[in-house]
């Protein structure tokens, strides 16, 4: 049975399968990060850009980005992205990239 499931794929569902592409918090603080649910860092970047555009409108500029420790889980890292809107307002958004990072680590053989 193990051979068959490896050959044809397992019917076991991932914990992420029923989640939307971005879920969780509003992304406005490290305590409520938006969780990115995809397996590709490229797709994660596109999802993040869309998330910020929904909040700030189309005319925003990406500023400095940091990787910081999550205040709720020191084993997780968050991506903090500073943006400036067209009216000059500065905002910071926090994203949990655990899933795309873990997939990238598995693919590179580093996990």
PDB file of N, CA and C in Angstrom:
ATOM      1  N   UNK A   1       0.822  -1.191   0.000  1.00  0.00           N
ATOM      2  CA  UNK A   1       0.000   0.000   0.000  1.00  0.00           C
ATOM      3  C   UNK A   1       0.866   1.255   0.000  1.00  0.00           C
ATOM      4  N   UNK A   2       1.975   1.225   0.697  1.00  0.00           N
ATOM      5  CA  UNK A   2       2.855   2.367   0.739  1.00  0.00           C
ATOM      6  C   UNK A   2       3.392   2.693  -0.652  1.00  0.00           C
ATOM      7  N   UNK A   3       3.756   1.658  -1.419  1.00  0.00           N
ATOM      8  CA  UNK A   3       4.227   1.856  -2.787  1.00  0.00           C
ATOM      9  C   UNK A   3       3.151   2.502  -3.645  1.00  0.00           C
ATOM     10  N   UNK A   4       1.938   2.025  -3.515  1.00  0.00           N
ATOM     11  CA  UNK A   4       0.823   2.548  -4.322  1.00  0.00           C
ATOM     12  C   UNK A   4       0.563   4.008  -3.990  1.00  0.00           C
ATOM     13  N   UNK A   5       0.561   4.353  -2.697  1.00  0.00           N
ATOM     14  CA  UNK A   5       0.299   5.742  -2.333  1.00  0.00           C
ATOM     15  C   UNK A   5       1.426   6.659  -2.793  1.00  0.00           C
ATOM     16  N   UNK A   6       2.675   6.183  -2.789  1.00  0.00           N
ATOM     17  CA  UNK A   6       3.776   6.999  -3.292  1.00  0.00           C
ATOM     18  C   UNK A   6       3.692   7.145  -4.802  1.00  0.00           C
ATOM     19  N   UNK A   7       3.269   6.102  -5.488  1.00  0.00           N
ATOM     20  CA  UNK A   7       3.204   6.138  -6.943  1.00  0.00           C
ATOM     21  C   UNK A   7       2.041   6.986  -7.444  1.00  0.00           C
ATOM     22  N   UNK A   8       0.867   6.805  -6.845  1.00  0.00           N
ATOM     23  CA  UNK A   8      -0.329   7.507  -7.299  1.00  0.00           C
ATOM     24  C   UNK A   8      -0.650   8.743  -6.470  1.00  0.00           C
ATOM     25  N   UNK A   9       0.079   8.977  -5.431  1.00  0.00           N
ATOM     26  CA  UNK A   9      -0.199  10.125  -4.573  1.00  0.00           C
ATOM     27  C   UNK A   9      -1.093   9.720  -3.427  1.00  0.00           C
ATOM     28  N   UNK A  10      -0.947  10.426  -2.379  1.00  0.00           N
ATOM     29  CA  UNK A  10      -1.719  10.139  -1.180  1.00  0.00           C
ATOM     30  C   UNK A  10      -3.016  10.922  -1.190  1.00  0.00           C
ATOM     31  N   UNK A  11      -4.040  10.369  -0.613  1.00  0.00           N
ATOM     32  CA  UNK A  11      -5.327  11.042  -0.499  1.00  0.00           C
ATOM     33  C   UNK A  11      -5.362  11.951   0.730  1.00  0.00           C
ATOM     34  N   UNK A  12      -4.297  11.919   1.511  1.00  0.00           N
ATOM     35  CA  UNK A  12      -4.231  12.724   2.727  1.00  0.00           C
ATOM     36  C   UNK A  12      -4.195  14.202   2.356  1.00  0.00           C
ATOM     37  N   UNK A  13      -5.048  15.001   3.011  1.00  0.00           N
ATOM     38  CA  UNK A  13      -5.110  16.429   2.744  1.00  0.00           C
ATOM     39  C   UNK A  13      -4.117  17.180   3.616  1.00  0.00           C
ATOM     40  N   UNK A  14      -3.540  18.186   3.058  1.00  0.00           N
ATOM     41  CA  UNK A  14      -2.655  19.069   3.805  1.00  0.00           C
ATOM     42  C   UNK A  14      -3.500  19.995   4.664  1.00  0.00           C
ATOM     43  N   UNK A  15      -2.929  20.454   5.757  1.00  0.00           N
ATOM     44  CA  UNK A  15      -3.650  21.383   6.624  1.00  0.00           C
ATOM     45  C   UNK A  15      -3.915  22.710   5.913  1.00  0.00           C
ATOM     46  N   UNK A  16      -3.194  23.002   4.836  1.00  0.00           N
ATOM     47  CA  UNK A  16      -3.329  24.269   4.125  1.00  0.00           C
ATOM     48  C   UNK A  16      -4.334  24.215   2.976  1.00  0.00           C
ATOM     49  N   UNK A  17      -4.811  23.020   2.605  1.00  0.00           N
ATOM     50  CA  UNK A  17      -5.649  22.873   1.421  1.00  0.00           C
ATOM     51  C   UNK A  17      -6.939  23.675   1.471  1.00  0.00           C
ATOM     52  N   UNK A  18      -7.549  23.792   2.636  1.00  0.00           N
ATOM     53  CA  UNK A  18      -8.835  24.463   2.738  1.00  0.00           C
ATOM     54  C   UNK A  18      -8.714  25.946   3.059  1.00  0.00           C
ATOM     55  N   UNK A  19      -7.535  26.476   3.069  1.00  0.00           N
ATOM     56  CA  UNK A  19      -7.305  27.878   3.411  1.00  0.00           C
ATOM     57  C   UNK A  19      -7.222  28.722   2.140  1.00  0.00           C
ATOM     58  N   UNK A  20      -7.638  29.993   2.224  1.00  0.00           N
ATOM     59  CA  UNK A  20      -7.481  30.892   1.070  1.00  0.00           C
ATOM     60  C   UNK A  20      -6.008  31.253   0.860  1.00  0.00           C
ATOM     61  N   UNK A  21      -5.673  31.919  -0.249  1.00  0.00           N
ATOM     62  CA  UNK A  21      -4.273  32.256  -0.531  1.00  0.00           C
ATOM     63  C   UNK A  21      -3.611  33.108   0.553  1.00  0.00           C
ATOM     64  N   UNK A  22      -4.355  34.026   1.142  1.00  0.00           N
ATOM     65  CA  UNK A  22      -3.868  34.787   2.295  1.00  0.00           C
ATOM     66  C   UNK A  22      -4.979  34.774   3.331  1.00  0.00           C
ATOM     67  N   UNK A  23      -4.619  34.390   4.542  1.00  0.00           N
ATOM     68  CA  UNK A  23      -5.608  34.323   5.618  1.00  0.00           C
ATOM     69  C   UNK A  23      -4.943  34.745   6.917  1.00  0.00           C
ATOM     70  N   UNK A  24      -5.672  34.712   7.984  1.00  0.00           N
ATOM     71  CA  UNK A  24      -5.117  35.062   9.289  1.00  0.00           C
ATOM     72  C   UNK A  24      -5.459  36.481   9.653  1.00  0.00           C
ATOM     73  N   UNK A  25      -4.459  37.225  10.090  1.00  0.00           N
ATOM     74  CA  UNK A  25      -4.666  38.583  10.553  1.00  0.00           C
ATOM     75  C   UNK A  25      -4.716  39.605   9.436  1.00  0.00           C
ATOM     76  N   UNK A  26      -4.814  40.870   9.854  1.00  0.00           N
ATOM     77  CA  UNK A  26      -4.898  41.964   8.888  1.00  0.00           C
ATOM     78  C   UNK A  26      -3.530  42.410   8.374  1.00  0.00           C
ATOM     79  N   UNK A  27      -2.462  41.862   8.942  1.00  0.00           N
ATOM     80  CA  UNK A  27      -1.116  42.170   8.484  1.00  0.00           C
ATOM     81  C   UNK A  27      -0.570  43.502   8.968  1.00  0.00           C
ATOM     82  N   UNK A  28      -1.291  44.183   9.848  1.00  0.00           N
ATOM     83  CA  UNK A  28      -0.862  45.503  10.287  1.00  0.00           C
ATOM     84  C   UNK A  28       0.029  45.483  11.527  1.00  0.00           C
ATOM     85  N   UNK A  29       0.197  44.300  12.126  1.00  0.00           N
ATOM     86  CA  UNK A  29       1.104  44.186  13.269  1.00  0.00           C
ATOM     87  C   UNK A  29       1.727  42.793  13.280  1.00  0.00           C
ATOM     88  N   UNK A  30       2.800  42.670  14.018  1.00  0.00           N
ATOM     89  CA  UNK A  30       3.458  41.371  14.146  1.00  0.00           C
ATOM     90  C   UNK A  30       2.619  40.372  14.920  1.00  0.00           C
ATOM     91  N   UNK A  31       1.642  40.858  15.684  1.00  0.00           N
ATOM     92  CA  UNK A  31       0.758  39.975  16.438  1.00  0.00           C
ATOM     93  C   UNK A  31      -0.397  39.464  15.579  1.00  0.00           C
ATOM     94  N   UNK A  32      -0.638  40.080  14.424  1.00  0.00           N
ATOM     95  CA  UNK A  32      -1.717  39.663  13.528  1.00  0.00           C
ATOM     96  C   UNK A  32      -1.223  39.630  12.082  1.00  0.00           C
ATOM     97  N   UNK A  33      -0.179  38.822  11.795  1.00  0.00           N
ATOM     98  CA  UNK A  33       0.348  38.801  10.423  1.00  0.00           C
ATOM     99  C   UNK A  33      -0.625  38.120   9.464  1.00  0.00           C
ATOM    100  N   UNK A  34      -0.552  38.526   8.212  1.00  0.00           N
ATOM    101  CA  UNK A  34      -1.281  37.834   7.152  1.00  0.00           C
ATOM    102  C   UNK A  34      -0.459  36.603   6.790  1.00  0.00           C
ATOM    103  N   UNK A  35      -1.104  35.448   6.759  1.00  0.00           N
ATOM    104  CA  UNK A  35      -0.415  34.186   6.487  1.00  0.00           C
ATOM    105  C   UNK A  35      -0.536  33.866   5.003  1.00  0.00           C
ATOM    106  N   UNK A  36       0.598  33.710   4.339  1.00  0.00           N
ATOM    107  CA  UNK A  36       0.621  33.429   2.905  1.00  0.00           C
ATOM    108  C   UNK A  36       0.569  31.919   2.714  1.00  0.00           C
ATOM    109  N   UNK A  37      -0.433  31.458   1.970  1.00  0.00           N
ATOM    110  CA  UNK A  37      -0.693  30.032   1.783  1.00  0.00           C
ATOM    111  C   UNK A  37      -0.427  29.632   0.330  1.00  0.00           C
ATOM    112  N   UNK A  38       0.841  29.466  -0.005  1.00  0.00           N
ATOM    113  CA  UNK A  38       1.211  28.966  -1.328  1.00  0.00           C
ATOM    114  C   UNK A  38       2.545  28.257  -1.187  1.00  0.00           C
ATOM    115  N   UNK A  39       2.969  27.587  -2.232  1.00  0.00           N
ATOM    116  CA  UNK A  39       4.196  26.800  -2.163  1.00  0.00           C
ATOM    117  C   UNK A  39       5.362  27.441  -2.896  1.00  0.00           C
ATOM    118  N   UNK A  40       5.171  28.613  -3.453  1.00  0.00           N
ATOM    119  CA  UNK A  40       6.209  29.248  -4.267  1.00  0.00           C
ATOM    120  C   UNK A  40       6.501  30.651  -3.746  1.00  0.00           C
ATOM    121  N   UNK A  41       7.766  30.991  -3.630  1.00  0.00           N
ATOM    122  CA  UNK A  41       8.118  32.336  -3.193  1.00  0.00           C
ATOM    123  C   UNK A  41       7.706  33.379  -4.236  1.00  0.00           C
ATOM    124  N   UNK A  42       7.754  33.030  -5.506  1.00  0.00           N
ATOM    125  CA  UNK A  42       7.306  33.954  -6.555  1.00  0.00           C
ATOM    126  C   UNK A  42       5.827  34.241  -6.444  1.00  0.00           C
ATOM    127  N   UNK A  43       5.043  33.197  -6.218  1.00  0.00           N
ATOM    128  CA  UNK A  43       3.607  33.381  -6.039  1.00  0.00           C
ATOM    129  C   UNK A  43       3.332  34.145  -4.752  1.00  0.00           C
ATOM    130  N   UNK A  44       4.104  33.870  -3.706  1.00  0.00           N
ATOM    131  CA  UNK A  44       3.940  34.588  -2.440  1.00  0.00           C
ATOM    132  C   UNK A  44       4.128  36.084  -2.663  1.00  0.00           C
ATOM    133  N   UNK A  45       5.126  36.455  -3.444  1.00  0.00           N
ATOM    134  CA  UNK A  45       5.375  37.877  -3.725  1.00  0.00           C
ATOM    135  C   UNK A  45       4.192  38.505  -4.437  1.00  0.00           C
ATOM    136  N   UNK A  46       3.615  37.806  -5.406  1.00  0.00           N
ATOM    137  CA  UNK A  46       2.451  38.323  -6.123  1.00  0.00           C
ATOM    138  C   UNK A  46       1.248  38.464  -5.189  1.00  0.00           C
ATOM    139  N   UNK A  47       1.044  37.483  -4.307  1.00  0.00           N
ATOM    140  CA  UNK A  47      -0.057  37.550  -3.352  1.00  0.00           C
ATOM    141  C   UNK A  47       0.127  38.716  -2.378  1.00  0.00           C
ATOM    142  N   UNK A  48       1.355  38.923  -1.919  1.00  0.00           N
ATOM    143  CA  UNK A  48       1.652  40.029  -1.016  1.00  0.00           C
ATOM    144  C   UNK A  48       1.377  41.366  -1.698  1.00  0.00           C
ATOM    145  N   UNK A  49       1.826  41.514  -2.938  1.00  0.00           N
ATOM    146  CA  UNK A  49       1.579  42.759  -3.679  1.00  0.00           C
ATOM    147  C   UNK A  49       0.084  43.020  -3.827  1.00  0.00           C
ATOM    148  N   UNK A  50      -0.682  41.977  -4.132  1.00  0.00           N
ATOM    149  CA  UNK A  50      -2.134  42.122  -4.247  1.00  0.00           C
ATOM    150  C   UNK A  50      -2.775  42.507  -2.925  1.00  0.00           C
ATOM    151  N   UNK A  51      -2.310  41.910  -1.843  1.00  0.00           N
ATOM    152  CA  UNK A  51      -2.832  42.208  -0.506  1.00  0.00           C
ATOM    153  C   UNK A  51      -2.594  43.672  -0.151  1.00  0.00           C
ATOM    154  N   UNK A  52      -1.378  44.153  -0.411  1.00  0.00           N
ATOM    155  CA  UNK A  52      -1.057  45.550  -0.120  1.00  0.00           C
ATOM    156  C   UNK A  52      -1.866  46.484  -1.020  1.00  0.00           C
ATOM    157  N   UNK A  53      -2.039  46.130  -2.287  1.00  0.00           N
ATOM    158  CA  UNK A  53      -2.822  46.956  -3.207  1.00  0.00           C
ATOM    159  C   UNK A  53      -4.282  47.059  -2.775  1.00  0.00           C
ATOM    160  N   UNK A  54      -4.835  45.982  -2.224  1.00  0.00           N
ATOM    161  CA  UNK A  54      -6.207  46.040  -1.728  1.00  0.00           C
ATOM    162  C   UNK A  54      -6.346  47.019  -0.580  1.00  0.00           C
ATOM    163  N   UNK A  55      -5.300  47.128   0.215  1.00  0.00           N
ATOM    164  CA  UNK A  55      -5.324  48.007   1.380  1.00  0.00           C
ATOM    165  C   UNK A  55      -4.952  49.453   1.037  1.00  0.00           C
ATOM    166  N   UNK A  56      -3.944  49.632   0.195  1.00  0.00           N
ATOM    167  CA  UNK A  56      -3.401  50.968  -0.081  1.00  0.00           C
ATOM    168  C   UNK A  56      -3.840  51.562  -1.411  1.00  0.00           C
ATOM    169  N   UNK A  57      -4.468  50.790  -2.264  1.00  0.00           N
ATOM    170  CA  UNK A  57      -4.755  51.245  -3.616  1.00  0.00           C
ATOM    171  C   UNK A  57      -3.608  50.852  -4.539  1.00  0.00           C
ATOM    172  N   UNK A  58      -3.723  51.204  -5.773  1.00  0.00           N
ATOM    173  CA  UNK A  58      -2.730  50.777  -6.779  1.00  0.00           C
ATOM    174  C   UNK A  58      -1.419  51.553  -6.709  1.00  0.00           C
ATOM    175  N   UNK A  59      -1.463  52.783  -6.225  1.00  0.00           N
ATOM    176  CA  UNK A  59      -0.269  53.637  -6.246  1.00  0.00           C
ATOM    177  C   UNK A  59       0.441  53.623  -4.901  1.00  0.00           C
ATOM    178  N   UNK A  60       1.259  52.625  -4.689  1.00  0.00           N
ATOM    179  CA  UNK A  60       2.080  52.537  -3.487  1.00  0.00           C
ATOM    180  C   UNK A  60       3.482  52.133  -3.909  1.00  0.00           C
ATOM    181  N   UNK A  61       4.429  52.445  -3.061  1.00  0.00           N
ATOM    182  CA  UNK A  61       5.825  52.134  -3.366  1.00  0.00           C
ATOM    183  C   UNK A  61       6.419  51.305  -2.237  1.00  0.00           C
ATOM    184  N   UNK A  62       7.043  50.209  -2.616  1.00  0.00           N
ATOM    185  CA  UNK A  62       7.684  49.333  -1.637  1.00  0.00           C
ATOM    186  C   UNK A  62       8.936  50.007  -1.099  1.00  0.00           C
ATOM    187  N   UNK A  63       9.074  49.941   0.207  1.00  0.00           N
ATOM    188  CA  UNK A  63      10.255  50.500   0.857  1.00  0.00           C
ATOM    189  C   UNK A  63      11.143  49.385   1.381  1.00  0.00           C
ATOM    190  N   UNK A  64      11.629  49.574   2.567  1.00  0.00           N
ATOM    191  CA  UNK A  64      12.524  48.616   3.198  1.00  0.00           C
ATOM    192  C   UNK A  64      11.768  47.372   3.620  1.00  0.00           C
ATOM    193  N   UNK A  65      12.430  46.225   3.517  1.00  0.00           N
ATOM    194  CA  UNK A  65      11.866  44.957   3.978  1.00  0.00           C
ATOM    195  C   UNK A  65      12.794  44.361   5.019  1.00  0.00           C
ATOM    196  N   UNK A  66      12.191  43.794   6.050  1.00  0.00           N
ATOM    197  CA  UNK A  66      12.957  43.157   7.116  1.00  0.00           C
ATOM    198  C   UNK A  66      12.403  41.771   7.380  1.00  0.00           C
ATOM    199  N   UNK A  67      13.240  40.887   7.846  1.00  0.00           N
ATOM    200  CA  UNK A  67      12.790  39.619   8.400  1.00  0.00           C
ATOM    201  C   UNK A  67      12.960  39.746   9.905  1.00  0.00           C
ATOM    202  N   UNK A  68      11.857  39.555  10.622  1.00  0.00           N
ATOM    203  CA  UNK A  68      11.872  39.726  12.077  1.00  0.00           C
ATOM    204  C   UNK A  68      11.302  38.481  12.741  1.00  0.00           C
ATOM    205  N   UNK A  69      11.599  38.305  14.014  1.00  0.00           N
ATOM    206  CA  UNK A  69      11.036  37.187  14.771  1.00  0.00           C
ATOM    207  C   UNK A  69       9.581  37.492  15.096  1.00  0.00           C
ATOM    208  N   UNK A  70       8.753  36.481  15.026  1.00  0.00           N
ATOM    209  CA  UNK A  70       7.349  36.629  15.376  1.00  0.00           C
ATOM    210  C   UNK A  70       7.227  36.853  16.880  1.00  0.00           C
ATOM    211  N   UNK A  71       6.447  37.848  17.307  1.00  0.00           N
ATOM    212  CA  UNK A  71       6.291  38.071  18.741  1.00  0.00           C
ATOM    213  C   UNK A  71       5.525  36.948  19.446  1.00  0.00           C
ATOM    214  N   UNK A  72       4.708  36.214  18.696  1.00  0.00           N
ATOM    215  CA  UNK A  72       3.917  35.145  19.313  1.00  0.00           C
ATOM    216  C   UNK A  72       4.596  33.783  19.255  1.00  0.00           C
ATOM    217  N   UNK A  73       5.572  33.596  18.341  1.00  0.00           N
ATOM    218  CA  UNK A  73       6.269  32.324  18.204  1.00  0.00           C
ATOM    219  C   UNK A  73       7.717  32.590  17.791  1.00  0.00           C
ATOM    220  N   UNK A  74       8.662  32.513  18.722  1.00  0.00           N
ATOM    221  CA  UNK A  74      10.051  32.848  18.394  1.00  0.00           C
ATOM    222  C   UNK A  74      10.697  31.924  17.361  1.00  0.00           C
ATOM    223  N   UNK A  75      10.055  30.788  17.064  1.00  0.00           N
ATOM    224  CA  UNK A  75      10.591  29.882  16.048  1.00  0.00           C
ATOM    225  C   UNK A  75      10.166  30.284  14.636  1.00  0.00           C
ATOM    226  N   UNK A  76       9.256  31.232  14.506  1.00  0.00           N
ATOM    227  CA  UNK A  76       8.785  31.688  13.206  1.00  0.00           C
ATOM    228  C   UNK A  76       9.377  33.049  12.881  1.00  0.00           C
ATOM    229  N   UNK A  77       9.558  33.281  11.605  1.00  0.00           N
ATOM    230  CA  UNK A  77      10.001  34.587  11.134  1.00  0.00           C
ATOM    231  C   UNK A  77       8.875  35.238  10.349  1.00  0.00           C
ATOM    232  N   UNK A  78       8.829  36.545  10.400  1.00  0.00           N
ATOM    233  CA  UNK A  78       7.851  37.320   9.648  1.00  0.00           C
ATOM    234  C   UNK A  78       8.585  38.236   8.683  1.00  0.00           C
ATOM    235  N   UNK A  79       7.965  38.513   7.562  1.00  0.00           N
ATOM    236  CA  UNK A  79       8.493  39.500   6.626  1.00  0.00           C
ATOM    237  C   UNK A  79       7.739  40.799   6.882  1.00  0.00           C
ATOM    238  N   UNK A  80       8.456  41.851   7.254  1.00  0.00           N
ATOM    239  CA  UNK A  80       7.864  43.165   7.447  1.00  0.00           C
ATOM    240  C   UNK A  80       8.208  44.010   6.231  1.00  0.00           C
ATOM    241  N   UNK A  81       7.188  44.550   5.600  1.00  0.00           N
ATOM    242  CA  UNK A  81       7.385  45.353   4.394  1.00  0.00           C
ATOM    243  C   UNK A  81       6.850  46.752   4.669  1.00  0.00           C
ATOM    244  N   UNK A  82       7.718  47.745   4.512  1.00  0.00           N
ATOM    245  CA  UNK A  82       7.313  49.138   4.668  1.00  0.00           C
ATOM    246  C   UNK A  82       6.903  49.659   3.297  1.00  0.00           C
ATOM    247  N   UNK A  83       5.780  50.349   3.232  1.00  0.00           N
ATOM    248  CA  UNK A  83       5.300  50.908   1.972  1.00  0.00           C
ATOM    249  C   UNK A  83       4.924  52.373   2.177  1.00  0.00           C
ATOM    250  N   UNK A  84       4.966  53.114   1.078  1.00  0.00           N
ATOM    251  CA  UNK A  84       4.517  54.497   1.093  1.00  0.00           C
ATOM    252  C   UNK A  84       3.425  54.639   0.041  1.00  0.00           C
ATOM    253  N   UNK A  85       2.278  55.182   0.443  1.00  0.00           N
ATOM    254  CA  UNK A  85       1.165  55.364  -0.472  1.00  0.00           C
ATOM    255  C   UNK A  85       1.371  56.639  -1.290  1.00  0.00           C
ATOM    256  N   UNK A  86       0.527  56.838  -2.292  1.00  0.00           N
ATOM    257  CA  UNK A  86       0.668  57.998  -3.169  1.00  0.00           C
ATOM    258  C   UNK A  86       0.436  59.312  -2.423  1.00  0.00           C
ATOM    259  N   UNK A  87      -0.311  59.274  -1.316  1.00  0.00           N
ATOM    260  CA  UNK A  87      -0.534  60.500  -0.538  1.00  0.00           C
ATOM    261  C   UNK A  87       0.532  60.720   0.536  1.00  0.00           C
ATOM    262  N   UNK A  88       1.594  59.906   0.532  1.00  0.00           N
ATOM    263  CA  UNK A  88       2.717  60.083   1.442  1.00  0.00           C
ATOM    264  C   UNK A  88       2.614  59.333   2.752  1.00  0.00           C
ATOM    265  N   UNK A  89       1.518  58.624   2.983  1.00  0.00           N
ATOM    266  CA  UNK A  89       1.367  57.859   4.217  1.00  0.00           C
ATOM    267  C   UNK A  89       2.292  56.646   4.197  1.00  0.00           C
ATOM    268  N   UNK A  90       2.916  56.376   5.335  1.00  0.00           N
ATOM    269  CA  UNK A  90       3.790  55.212   5.448  1.00  0.00           C
ATOM    270  C   UNK A  90       3.108  54.147   6.289  1.00  0.00           C
ATOM    271  N   UNK A  91       3.156  52.908   5.820  1.00  0.00           N
ATOM    272  CA  UNK A  91       2.530  51.772   6.509  1.00  0.00           C
ATOM    273  C   UNK A  91       3.523  50.618   6.540  1.00  0.00           C
ATOM    274  N   UNK A  92       3.336  49.743   7.493  1.00  0.00           N
ATOM    275  CA  UNK A  92       4.120  48.507   7.561  1.00  0.00           C
ATOM    276  C   UNK A  92       3.161  47.329   7.562  1.00  0.00           C
ATOM    277  N   UNK A  93       3.503  46.296   6.810  1.00  0.00           N
ATOM    278  CA  UNK A  93       2.697  45.081   6.734  1.00  0.00           C
ATOM    279  C   UNK A  93       3.558  43.899   7.150  1.00  0.00           C
ATOM    280  N   UNK A  94       2.931  42.944   7.811  1.00  0.00           N
ATOM    281  CA  UNK A  94       3.627  41.773   8.345  1.00  0.00           C
ATOM    282  C   UNK A  94       3.040  40.512   7.719  1.00  0.00           C
ATOM    283  N   UNK A  95       3.916  39.642   7.211  1.00  0.00           N
ATOM    284  CA  UNK A  95       3.482  38.425   6.533  1.00  0.00           C
ATOM    285  C   UNK A  95       4.222  37.221   7.095  1.00  0.00           C
ATOM    286  N   UNK A  96       3.475  36.164   7.325  1.00  0.00           N
ATOM    287  CA  UNK A  96       4.029  34.876   7.744  1.00  0.00           C
ATOM    288  C   UNK A  96       4.263  34.068   6.478  1.00  0.00           C
ATOM    289  N   UNK A  97       5.517  33.813   6.157  1.00  0.00           N
ATOM    290  CA  UNK A  97       5.882  33.074   4.944  1.00  0.00           C
ATOM    291  C   UNK A  97       6.354  31.660   5.259  1.00  0.00           C
ATOM    292  N   UNK A  98       5.879  31.092   6.349  1.00  0.00           N
ATOM    293  CA  UNK A  98       6.342  29.768   6.780  1.00  0.00           C
ATOM    294  C   UNK A  98       6.161  28.700   5.714  1.00  0.00           C
ATOM    295  N   UNK A  99       5.005  28.685   5.068  1.00  0.00           N
ATOM    296  CA  UNK A  99       4.760  27.625   4.089  1.00  0.00           C
ATOM    297  C   UNK A  99       5.657  27.741   2.855  1.00  0.00           C
ATOM    298  N   UNK A 100       5.713  28.899   2.168  1.00  0.00           N
ATOM    299  CA  UNK A 100       6.603  28.941   0.993  1.00  0.00           C
ATOM    300  C   UNK A 100       8.076  28.727   1.350  1.00  0.00           C
ATOM    301  N   UNK A 101       8.503  29.191   2.521  1.00  0.00           N
ATOM    302  CA  UNK A 101       9.897  28.992   2.930  1.00  0.00           C
ATOM    303  C   UNK A 101      10.164  27.512   3.183  1.00  0.00           C
ATOM    304  N   UNK A 102       9.232  26.818   3.853  1.00  0.00           N
ATOM    305  CA  UNK A 102       9.457  25.386   4.134  1.00  0.00           C
ATOM    306  C   UNK A 102       9.487  24.577   2.842  1.00  0.00           C
ATOM    307  N   UNK A 103       8.663  24.922   1.870  1.00  0.00           N
ATOM    308  CA  UNK A 103       8.681  24.220   0.580  1.00  0.00           C
ATOM    309  C   UNK A 103      10.014  24.463  -0.124  1.00  0.00           C
ATOM    310  N   UNK A 104      10.483  25.700  -0.115  1.00  0.00           N
ATOM    311  CA  UNK A 104      11.765  26.020  -0.747  1.00  0.00           C
ATOM    312  C   UNK A 104      12.911  25.260  -0.071  1.00  0.00           C
ATOM    313  N   UNK A 105      12.852  25.158   1.263  1.00  0.00           N
ATOM    314  CA  UNK A 105      13.894  24.429   1.991  1.00  0.00           C
ATOM    315  C   UNK A 105      13.872  22.945   1.626  1.00  0.00           C
ATOM    316  N   UNK A 106      12.680  22.367   1.503  1.00  0.00           N
ATOM    317  CA  UNK A 106      12.577  20.952   1.117  1.00  0.00           C
ATOM    318  C   UNK A 106      13.126  20.720  -0.276  1.00  0.00           C
ATOM    319  N   UNK A 107      12.807  21.629  -1.186  1.00  0.00           N
ATOM    320  CA  UNK A 107      13.248  21.476  -2.573  1.00  0.00           C
ATOM    321  C   UNK A 107      14.753  21.619  -2.698  1.00  0.00           C
ATOM    322  N   UNK A 108      15.350  22.443  -1.854  1.00  0.00           N
ATOM    323  CA  UNK A 108      16.796  22.630  -1.926  1.00  0.00           C
ATOM    324  C   UNK A 108      17.565  21.586  -1.137  1.00  0.00           C
ATOM    325  N   UNK A 109      16.837  20.768  -0.354  1.00  0.00           N
ATOM    326  CA  UNK A 109      17.478  19.723   0.421  1.00  0.00           C
ATOM    327  C   UNK A 109      18.067  20.225   1.721  1.00  0.00           C
ATOM    328  N   UNK A 110      17.699  21.419   2.157  1.00  0.00           N
ATOM    329  CA  UNK A 110      18.247  21.994   3.367  1.00  0.00           C
ATOM    330  C   UNK A 110      17.448  21.647   4.615  1.00  0.00           C
ATOM    331  N   UNK A 111      16.286  21.053   4.466  1.00  0.00           N
ATOM    332  CA  UNK A 111      15.489  20.757   5.670  1.00  0.00           C
ATOM    333  C   UNK A 111      15.821  19.414   6.253  1.00  0.00           C
TER     334      UNK A 111
END
